[in-house]
PDB file of all heavy atoms in Angstrom:
ATOM      1  N   LYS A   1      -1.903  -4.763  16.378  1.00  0.00           N
ATOM      2  CA  LYS A   1      -2.014  -5.873  15.350  1.00  0.00           C
ATOM      3  C   LYS A   1      -3.435  -5.728  14.733  1.00  0.00           C
ATOM      4  O   LYS A   1      -4.524  -5.578  15.502  1.00  0.00           O
ATOM      5  CB  LYS A   1      -1.785  -7.289  16.085  1.00  0.00           C
ATOM      6  CG  LYS A   1      -1.885  -8.393  15.028  1.00  0.00           C
ATOM      7  CD  LYS A   1      -1.481  -9.691  15.706  1.00  0.00           C
ATOM      8  CE  LYS A   1      -0.230  -9.611  16.441  1.00  0.00           C
ATOM      9  NZ  LYS A   1       0.193 -10.876  16.988  1.00  0.00           N
ATOM     10  N   GLY A   2      -3.534  -5.803  13.390  1.00  0.00           N
ATOM     11  CA  GLY A   2      -4.810  -5.623  12.705  1.00  0.00           C
ATOM     12  C   GLY A   2      -5.177  -4.293  12.302  1.00  0.00           C
ATOM     13  O   GLY A   2      -6.164  -3.949  11.553  1.00  0.00           O
ATOM     14  N   ARG A   3      -4.492  -3.313  12.905  1.00  0.00           N
ATOM     15  CA  ARG A   3      -4.648  -1.820  12.631  1.00  0.00           C
ATOM     16  C   ARG A   3      -3.353  -1.219  11.919  1.00  0.00           C
ATOM     17  O   ARG A   3      -3.574  -0.400  10.988  1.00  0.00           O
ATOM     18  CB  ARG A   3      -5.006  -1.010  13.969  1.00  0.00           C
ATOM     19  CG  ARG A   3      -6.219  -1.462  14.573  1.00  0.00           C
ATOM     20  CD  ARG A   3      -6.656  -0.526  15.642  1.00  0.00           C
ATOM     21  NE  ARG A   3      -5.565  -0.507  16.655  1.00  0.00           N
ATOM     22  CZ  ARG A   3      -4.901   0.660  17.008  1.00  0.00           C
ATOM     23  NH1 ARG A   3      -5.271   1.782  16.479  1.00  0.00           N
ATOM     24  NH2 ARG A   3      -4.025   0.627  17.984  1.00  0.00           N
ATOM     25  N   PHE A   4      -2.261  -1.562  12.354  1.00  0.00           N
ATOM     26  CA  PHE A   4      -0.951  -1.017  11.829  1.00  0.00           C
ATOM     27  C   PHE A   4      -0.253  -2.189  11.114  1.00  0.00           C
ATOM     28  O   PHE A   4      -0.200  -3.327  11.306  1.00  0.00           O
ATOM     29  CB  PHE A   4      -0.043  -0.528  13.032  1.00  0.00           C
ATOM     30  CG  PHE A   4      -0.537   0.621  13.842  1.00  0.00           C
ATOM     31  CD1 PHE A   4      -1.821   1.110  13.580  1.00  0.00           C
ATOM     32  CD2 PHE A   4       0.309   1.128  14.839  1.00  0.00           C
ATOM     33  CE1 PHE A   4      -2.199   2.181  14.514  1.00  0.00           C
ATOM     34  CE2 PHE A   4      -0.093   2.223  15.632  1.00  0.00           C
ATOM     35  CZ  PHE A   4      -1.329   2.628  15.385  1.00  0.00           C
ATOM     36  N   THR A   5       0.487  -1.736  10.014  1.00  0.00           N
ATOM     37  CA  THR A   5       1.186  -2.580   9.219  1.00  0.00           C
ATOM     38  C   THR A   5       2.523  -1.919   8.762  1.00  0.00           C
ATOM     39  O   THR A   5       2.644  -0.855   8.300  1.00  0.00           O
ATOM     40  CB  THR A   5       0.468  -2.855   7.895  1.00  0.00           C
ATOM     41  OG1 THR A   5      -0.832  -3.468   8.094  1.00  0.00           O
ATOM     42  CG2 THR A   5       1.204  -3.867   7.063  1.00  0.00           C
ATOM     43  N   ILE A   6       3.653  -2.671   9.058  1.00  0.00           N
ATOM     44  CA  ILE A   6       4.976  -2.195   8.817  1.00  0.00           C
ATOM     45  C   ILE A   6       5.310  -2.778   7.397  1.00  0.00           C
ATOM     46  O   ILE A   6       4.999  -3.841   7.058  1.00  0.00           O
ATOM     47  CB  ILE A   6       6.023  -2.672   9.691  1.00  0.00           C
ATOM     48  CG1 ILE A   6       7.379  -1.958   9.483  1.00  0.00           C
ATOM     49  CG2 ILE A   6       6.194  -4.216   9.778  1.00  0.00           C
ATOM     50  CD1 ILE A   6       8.463  -2.184  10.502  1.00  0.00           C
ATOM     51  N   SER A   7       5.943  -1.937   6.637  1.00  0.00           N
ATOM     52  CA  SER A   7       6.442  -2.292   5.322  1.00  0.00           C
ATOM     53  C   SER A   7       7.638  -1.502   4.889  1.00  0.00           C
ATOM     54  O   SER A   7       8.074  -0.568   5.662  1.00  0.00           O
ATOM     55  CB  SER A   7       5.224  -2.068   4.236  1.00  0.00           C
ATOM     56  OG  SER A   7       5.017  -0.780   4.061  1.00  0.00           O
ATOM     57  N   GLY A   8       8.380  -1.865   3.704  1.00  0.00           N
ATOM     58  CA  GLY A   8       9.408  -1.049   3.339  1.00  0.00           C
ATOM     59  C   GLY A   8       9.775  -1.297   1.967  1.00  0.00           C
ATOM     60  O   GLY A   8       9.312  -2.221   1.292  1.00  0.00           O
ATOM     61  N   ASP A   9      10.694  -0.356   1.466  1.00  0.00           N
ATOM     62  CA  ASP A   9      11.142  -0.426   0.041  1.00  0.00           C
ATOM     63  C   ASP A   9      12.661  -0.308   0.201  1.00  0.00           C
ATOM     64  O   ASP A   9      13.117   0.870   0.424  1.00  0.00           O
ATOM     65  CB  ASP A   9      10.505   0.696  -0.681  1.00  0.00           C
ATOM     66  CG  ASP A   9      10.869   0.684  -2.214  1.00  0.00           C
ATOM     67  OD1 ASP A   9      11.876  -0.098  -2.581  1.00  0.00           O
ATOM     68  OD2 ASP A   9      10.160   1.210  -3.000  1.00  0.00           O
ATOM     69  N   THR A  10      13.377  -1.292   0.131  1.00  0.00           N
ATOM     70  CA  THR A  10      14.838  -1.182   0.295  1.00  0.00           C
ATOM     71  C   THR A  10      15.508  -0.323  -0.790  1.00  0.00           C
ATOM     72  O   THR A  10      16.511   0.136  -0.574  1.00  0.00           O
ATOM     73  CB  THR A  10      15.469  -2.600   0.277  1.00  0.00           C
ATOM     74  OG1 THR A  10      15.071  -3.419  -0.855  1.00  0.00           O
ATOM     75  CG2 THR A  10      14.983  -3.481   1.492  1.00  0.00           C
ATOM     76  N   THR A  11      14.860  -0.377  -2.086  1.00  0.00           N
ATOM     77  CA  THR A  11      15.490   0.291  -3.130  1.00  0.00           C
ATOM     78  C   THR A  11      15.424   1.828  -2.907  1.00  0.00           C
ATOM     79  O   THR A  11      16.170   2.644  -3.411  1.00  0.00           O
ATOM     80  CB  THR A  11      14.704   0.082  -4.375  1.00  0.00           C
ATOM     81  OG1 THR A  11      13.398   0.600  -4.349  1.00  0.00           O
ATOM     82  CG2 THR A  11      14.759  -1.323  -4.747  1.00  0.00           C
ATOM     83  N   LYS A  12      14.479   2.278  -1.963  1.00  0.00           N
ATOM     84  CA  LYS A  12      14.211   3.752  -1.571  1.00  0.00           C
ATOM     85  C   LYS A  12      14.818   3.941  -0.202  1.00  0.00           C
ATOM     86  O   LYS A  12      14.837   5.015   0.295  1.00  0.00           O
ATOM     87  CB  LYS A  12      12.893   4.161  -1.674  1.00  0.00           C
ATOM     88  CG  LYS A  12      12.160   4.038  -3.079  1.00  0.00           C
ATOM     89  CD  LYS A  12      10.849   4.506  -2.934  1.00  0.00           C
ATOM     90  CE  LYS A  12      10.156   4.483  -4.311  1.00  0.00           C
ATOM     91  NZ  LYS A  12       8.727   5.001  -4.274  1.00  0.00           N
ATOM     92  N   ASN A  13      15.413   2.856   0.477  1.00  0.00           N
ATOM     93  CA  ASN A  13      15.803   3.019   1.871  1.00  0.00           C
ATOM     94  C   ASN A  13      14.900   3.562   2.769  1.00  0.00           C
ATOM     95  O   ASN A  13      15.192   4.277   3.687  1.00  0.00           O
ATOM     96  CB  ASN A  13      17.219   3.765   1.860  1.00  0.00           C
ATOM     97  CG  ASN A  13      18.242   3.192   1.077  1.00  0.00           C
ATOM     98  OD1 ASN A  13      18.586   2.071   1.163  1.00  0.00           O
ATOM     99  ND2 ASN A  13      19.011   4.101   0.241  1.00  0.00           N
ATOM    100  N   THR A  14      13.663   3.146   2.519  1.00  0.00           N
ATOM    101  CA  THR A  14      12.592   3.644   3.444  1.00  0.00           C
ATOM    102  C   THR A  14      11.709   2.563   3.935  1.00  0.00           C
ATOM    103  O   THR A  14      11.309   1.674   3.274  1.00  0.00           O
ATOM    104  CB  THR A  14      11.668   4.656   2.508  1.00  0.00           C
ATOM    105  OG1 THR A  14      12.489   5.709   1.985  1.00  0.00           O
ATOM    106  CG2 THR A  14      10.487   5.236   3.331  1.00  0.00           C
ATOM    107  N   ALA A  15      11.329   2.766   5.268  1.00  0.00           N
ATOM    108  CA  ALA A  15      10.442   1.873   5.975  1.00  0.00           C
ATOM    109  C   ALA A  15       9.151   2.715   6.197  1.00  0.00           C
ATOM    110  O   ALA A  15       9.136   3.912   6.260  1.00  0.00           O
ATOM    111  CB  ALA A  15      10.947   1.393   7.233  1.00  0.00           C
ATOM    112  N   TYR A  16       8.026   2.094   6.176  1.00  0.00           N
ATOM    113  CA  TYR A  16       6.730   2.760   6.413  1.00  0.00           C
ATOM    114  C   TYR A  16       6.013   2.127   7.620  1.00  0.00           C
ATOM    115  O   TYR A  16       6.182   0.873   7.925  1.00  0.00           O
ATOM    116  CB  TYR A  16       5.901   2.678   5.250  1.00  0.00           C
ATOM    117  CG  TYR A  16       6.446   3.112   3.972  1.00  0.00           C
ATOM    118  CD1 TYR A  16       7.076   2.216   3.049  1.00  0.00           C
ATOM    119  CD2 TYR A  16       6.538   4.428   3.721  1.00  0.00           C
ATOM    120  CE1 TYR A  16       7.746   2.696   1.850  1.00  0.00           C
ATOM    121  CE2 TYR A  16       7.061   4.897   2.552  1.00  0.00           C
ATOM    122  CZ  TYR A  16       7.691   4.006   1.615  1.00  0.00           C
ATOM    123  OH  TYR A  16       8.260   4.525   0.454  1.00  0.00           O
ATOM    124  N   LEU A  17       5.176   2.875   8.214  1.00  0.00           N
ATOM    125  CA  LEU A  17       4.122   2.350   9.102  1.00  0.00           C
ATOM    126  C   LEU A  17       2.804   2.929   8.840  1.00  0.00           C
ATOM    127  O   LEU A  17       2.464   4.024   9.057  1.00  0.00           O
ATOM    128  CB  LEU A  17       4.469   2.642  10.694  1.00  0.00           C
ATOM    129  CG  LEU A  17       3.612   2.161  11.752  1.00  0.00           C
ATOM    130  CD1 LEU A  17       3.795   0.684  11.773  1.00  0.00           C
ATOM    131  CD2 LEU A  17       3.804   2.791  12.991  1.00  0.00           C
ATOM    132  N   GLN A  18       1.890   2.051   8.327  1.00  0.00           N
ATOM    133  CA  GLN A  18       0.571   2.362   7.988  1.00  0.00           C
ATOM    134  C   GLN A  18      -0.267   2.268   9.148  1.00  0.00           C
ATOM    135  O   GLN A  18      -0.416   1.170   9.690  1.00  0.00           O
ATOM    136  CB  GLN A  18       0.005   1.493   6.782  1.00  0.00           C
ATOM    137  CG  GLN A  18      -1.448   1.742   6.420  1.00  0.00           C
ATOM    138  CD  GLN A  18      -1.526   3.216   5.765  1.00  0.00           C
ATOM    139  OE1 GLN A  18      -0.783   3.626   5.048  1.00  0.00           O
ATOM    140  NE2 GLN A  18      -2.661   3.945   6.216  1.00  0.00           N
ATOM    141  N   MET A  19      -0.948   3.238   9.684  1.00  0.00           N
ATOM    142  CA  MET A  19      -1.675   3.186  10.848  1.00  0.00           C
ATOM    143  C   MET A  19      -3.146   3.575  10.495  1.00  0.00           C
ATOM    144  O   MET A  19      -3.495   4.692   9.978  1.00  0.00           O
ATOM    145  CB  MET A  19      -1.155   4.328  11.865  1.00  0.00           C
ATOM    146  CG  MET A  19       0.276   4.067  12.117  1.00  0.00           C
ATOM    147  SD  MET A  19       0.893   5.189  13.448  1.00  0.00           S
ATOM    148  CE  MET A  19       0.619   6.801  12.663  1.00  0.00           C
ATOM    149  N   ASN A  20      -4.095   2.588  10.795  1.00  0.00           N
ATOM    150  CA  ASN A  20      -5.427   2.691  10.461  1.00  0.00           C
ATOM    151  C   ASN A  20      -6.269   2.645  11.832  1.00  0.00           C
ATOM    152  O   ASN A  20      -5.801   2.221  12.826  1.00  0.00           O
ATOM    153  CB  ASN A  20      -6.037   1.626   9.505  1.00  0.00           C
ATOM    154  CG  ASN A  20      -5.317   1.675   8.201  1.00  0.00           C
ATOM    155  OD1 ASN A  20      -5.027   2.688   7.685  1.00  0.00           O
ATOM    156  ND2 ASN A  20      -5.185   0.536   7.604  1.00  0.00           N
ATOM    157  N   ALA A  21      -7.508   3.193  11.808  1.00  0.00           N
ATOM    158  CA  ALA A  21      -8.431   3.109  12.922  1.00  0.00           C
ATOM    159  C   ALA A  21      -7.748   3.714  14.230  1.00  0.00           C
ATOM    160  O   ALA A  21      -7.712   3.099  15.282  1.00  0.00           O
ATOM    161  CB  ALA A  21      -8.904   1.717  13.192  1.00  0.00           C
ATOM    162  N   LEU A  22      -7.127   4.846  14.020  1.00  0.00           N
ATOM    163  CA  LEU A  22      -6.340   5.378  15.113  1.00  0.00           C
ATOM    164  C   LEU A  22      -7.328   5.872  16.392  1.00  0.00           C
ATOM    165  O   LEU A  22      -8.382   6.143  16.162  1.00  0.00           O
ATOM    166  CB  LEU A  22      -5.522   6.671  14.671  1.00  0.00           C
ATOM    167  CG  LEU A  22      -4.377   6.314  13.827  1.00  0.00           C
ATOM    168  CD1 LEU A  22      -3.894   7.551  13.072  1.00  0.00           C
ATOM    169  CD2 LEU A  22      -3.159   5.834  14.672  1.00  0.00           C
ATOM    170  N   THR A  23      -6.668   5.578  17.477  1.00  0.00           N
ATOM    171  CA  THR A  23      -7.396   5.976  18.775  1.00  0.00           C
ATOM    172  C   THR A  23      -6.568   6.955  19.516  1.00  0.00           C
ATOM    173  O   THR A  23      -5.415   7.018  19.285  1.00  0.00           O
ATOM    174  CB  THR A  23      -7.807   4.828  19.620  1.00  0.00           C
ATOM    175  OG1 THR A  23      -6.575   4.315  20.293  1.00  0.00           O
ATOM    176  CG2 THR A  23      -8.391   3.714  18.758  1.00  0.00           C
ATOM    177  N   PRO A  24      -7.225   7.730  20.439  1.00  0.00           N
ATOM    178  CA  PRO A  24      -6.362   8.619  21.432  1.00  0.00           C
ATOM    179  C   PRO A  24      -5.234   7.914  22.113  1.00  0.00           C
ATOM    180  O   PRO A  24      -4.254   8.551  22.490  1.00  0.00           O
ATOM    181  CB  PRO A  24      -7.368   9.073  22.403  1.00  0.00           C
ATOM    182  CG  PRO A  24      -8.671   9.136  21.645  1.00  0.00           C
ATOM    183  CD  PRO A  24      -8.637   7.921  20.786  1.00  0.00           C
ATOM    184  N   GLU A  25      -5.270   6.529  22.300  1.00  0.00           N
ATOM    185  CA  GLU A  25      -4.351   5.746  22.989  1.00  0.00           C
ATOM    186  C   GLU A  25      -3.173   5.532  22.120  1.00  0.00           C
ATOM    187  O   GLU A  25      -2.061   5.129  22.570  1.00  0.00           O
ATOM    188  CB  GLU A  25      -4.877   4.313  23.445  1.00  0.00           C
ATOM    189  CG  GLU A  25      -5.810   4.456  24.665  1.00  0.00           C
ATOM    190  CD  GLU A  25      -7.133   5.056  24.254  1.00  0.00           C
ATOM    191  OE1 GLU A  25      -7.638   4.831  23.228  1.00  0.00           O
ATOM    192  OE2 GLU A  25      -7.606   5.869  25.076  1.00  0.00           O
ATOM    193  N   ASP A  26      -3.212   5.854  20.800  1.00  0.00           N
ATOM    194  CA  ASP A  26      -2.118   5.805  19.891  1.00  0.00           C
ATOM    195  C   ASP A  26      -1.264   7.169  19.916  1.00  0.00           C
ATOM    196  O   ASP A  26      -0.182   7.064  19.213  1.00  0.00           O
ATOM    197  CB  ASP A  26      -2.602   5.530  18.474  1.00  0.00           C
ATOM    198  CG  ASP A  26      -3.305   4.139  18.283  1.00  0.00           C
ATOM    199  OD1 ASP A  26      -2.650   3.122  18.884  1.00  0.00           O
ATOM    200  OD2 ASP A  26      -4.244   4.099  17.608  1.00  0.00           O
ATOM    201  N   THR A  27      -1.687   8.086  20.592  1.00  0.00           N
ATOM    202  CA  THR A  27      -0.926   9.333  20.714  1.00  0.00           C
ATOM    203  C   THR A  27       0.395   9.131  21.331  1.00  0.00           C
ATOM    204  O   THR A  27       0.470   8.595  22.449  1.00  0.00           O
ATOM    205  CB  THR A  27      -1.715  10.410  21.503  1.00  0.00           C
ATOM    206  OG1 THR A  27      -3.028  10.779  20.867  1.00  0.00           O
ATOM    207  CG2 THR A  27      -0.862  11.643  21.655  1.00  0.00           C
ATOM    208  N   ALA A  28       1.524   9.573  20.582  1.00  0.00           N
ATOM    209  CA  ALA A  28       2.773   9.188  21.124  1.00  0.00           C
ATOM    210  C   ALA A  28       3.833   9.815  20.077  1.00  0.00           C
ATOM    211  O   ALA A  28       3.419  10.261  18.902  1.00  0.00           O
ATOM    212  CB  ALA A  28       3.091   7.693  21.208  1.00  0.00           C
ATOM    213  N   ILE A  29       5.041   9.815  20.547  1.00  0.00           N
ATOM    214  CA  ILE A  29       6.145  10.042  19.523  1.00  0.00           C
ATOM    215  C   ILE A  29       6.561   8.721  19.032  1.00  0.00           C
ATOM    216  O   ILE A  29       6.889   7.822  19.768  1.00  0.00           O
ATOM    217  CB  ILE A  29       7.319  10.768  20.247  1.00  0.00           C
ATOM    218  CG1 ILE A  29       6.951  12.067  20.901  1.00  0.00           C
ATOM    219  CG2 ILE A  29       8.399  11.004  19.159  1.00  0.00           C
ATOM    220  CD1 ILE A  29       8.024  12.747  21.646  1.00  0.00           C
ATOM    221  N   TYR A  30       6.602   8.649  17.645  1.00  0.00           N
ATOM    222  CA  TYR A  30       6.947   7.473  17.029  1.00  0.00           C
ATOM    223  C   TYR A  30       8.416   7.439  16.478  1.00  0.00           C
ATOM    224  O   TYR A  30       8.749   8.434  15.726  1.00  0.00           O
ATOM    225  CB  TYR A  30       6.001   7.198  15.793  1.00  0.00           C
ATOM    226  CG  TYR A  30       4.639   6.603  16.282  1.00  0.00           C
ATOM    227  CD1 TYR A  30       3.735   7.528  16.923  1.00  0.00           C
ATOM    228  CD2 TYR A  30       4.274   5.307  16.169  1.00  0.00           C
ATOM    229  CE1 TYR A  30       2.609   7.106  17.408  1.00  0.00           C
ATOM    230  CE2 TYR A  30       3.065   4.831  16.633  1.00  0.00           C
ATOM    231  CZ  TYR A  30       2.162   5.712  17.291  1.00  0.00           C
ATOM    232  OH  TYR A  30       0.922   5.190  17.739  1.00  0.00           O
ATOM    233  N   TYR A  31       9.109   6.556  16.852  1.00  0.00           N
ATOM    234  CA  TYR A  31      10.596   6.461  16.439  1.00  0.00           C
ATOM    235  C   TYR A  31      10.786   5.272  15.497  1.00  0.00           C
ATOM    236  O   TYR A  31      10.365   4.183  15.758  1.00  0.00           O
ATOM    237  CB  TYR A  31      11.416   6.312  17.784  1.00  0.00           C
ATOM    238  CG  TYR A  31      11.358   7.389  18.776  1.00  0.00           C
ATOM    239  CD1 TYR A  31      10.426   7.338  19.833  1.00  0.00           C
ATOM    240  CD2 TYR A  31      12.238   8.359  18.716  1.00  0.00           C
ATOM    241  CE1 TYR A  31      10.342   8.303  20.729  1.00  0.00           C
ATOM    242  CE2 TYR A  31      12.171   9.418  19.634  1.00  0.00           C
ATOM    243  CZ  TYR A  31      11.168   9.369  20.642  1.00  0.00           C
ATOM    244  OH  TYR A  31      11.074  10.404  21.571  1.00  0.00           O
ATOM    245  N   CYS A  32      11.667   5.573  14.656  1.00  0.00           N
ATOM    246  CA  CYS A  32      12.176   4.610  13.639  1.00  0.00           C
ATOM    247  C   CYS A  32      13.490   4.089  14.269  1.00  0.00           C
ATOM    248  O   CYS A  32      14.299   4.856  14.849  1.00  0.00           O
ATOM    249  CB  CYS A  32      12.480   5.210  12.331  1.00  0.00           C
ATOM    250  SG  CYS A  32      13.125   4.027  11.108  1.00  0.00           S
ATOM    251  N   ALA A  33      13.863   2.772  14.057  1.00  0.00           N
ATOM    252  CA  ALA A  33      15.061   2.166  14.611  1.00  0.00           C
ATOM    253  C   ALA A  33      15.595   1.201  13.557  1.00  0.00           C
ATOM    254  O   ALA A  33      14.920   0.556  12.863  1.00  0.00           O
ATOM    255  CB  ALA A  33      14.754   1.527  15.913  1.00  0.00           C
TER     256      ALA A  33
END
């Protein structure tokens, strides 16, 4: 919270995850659901 923001464009059938101020603890495989 405060670093990542989820958003989407239904006309493009696309969701986004904007990730700012990344840290090593954010290292992972990211999955869409």
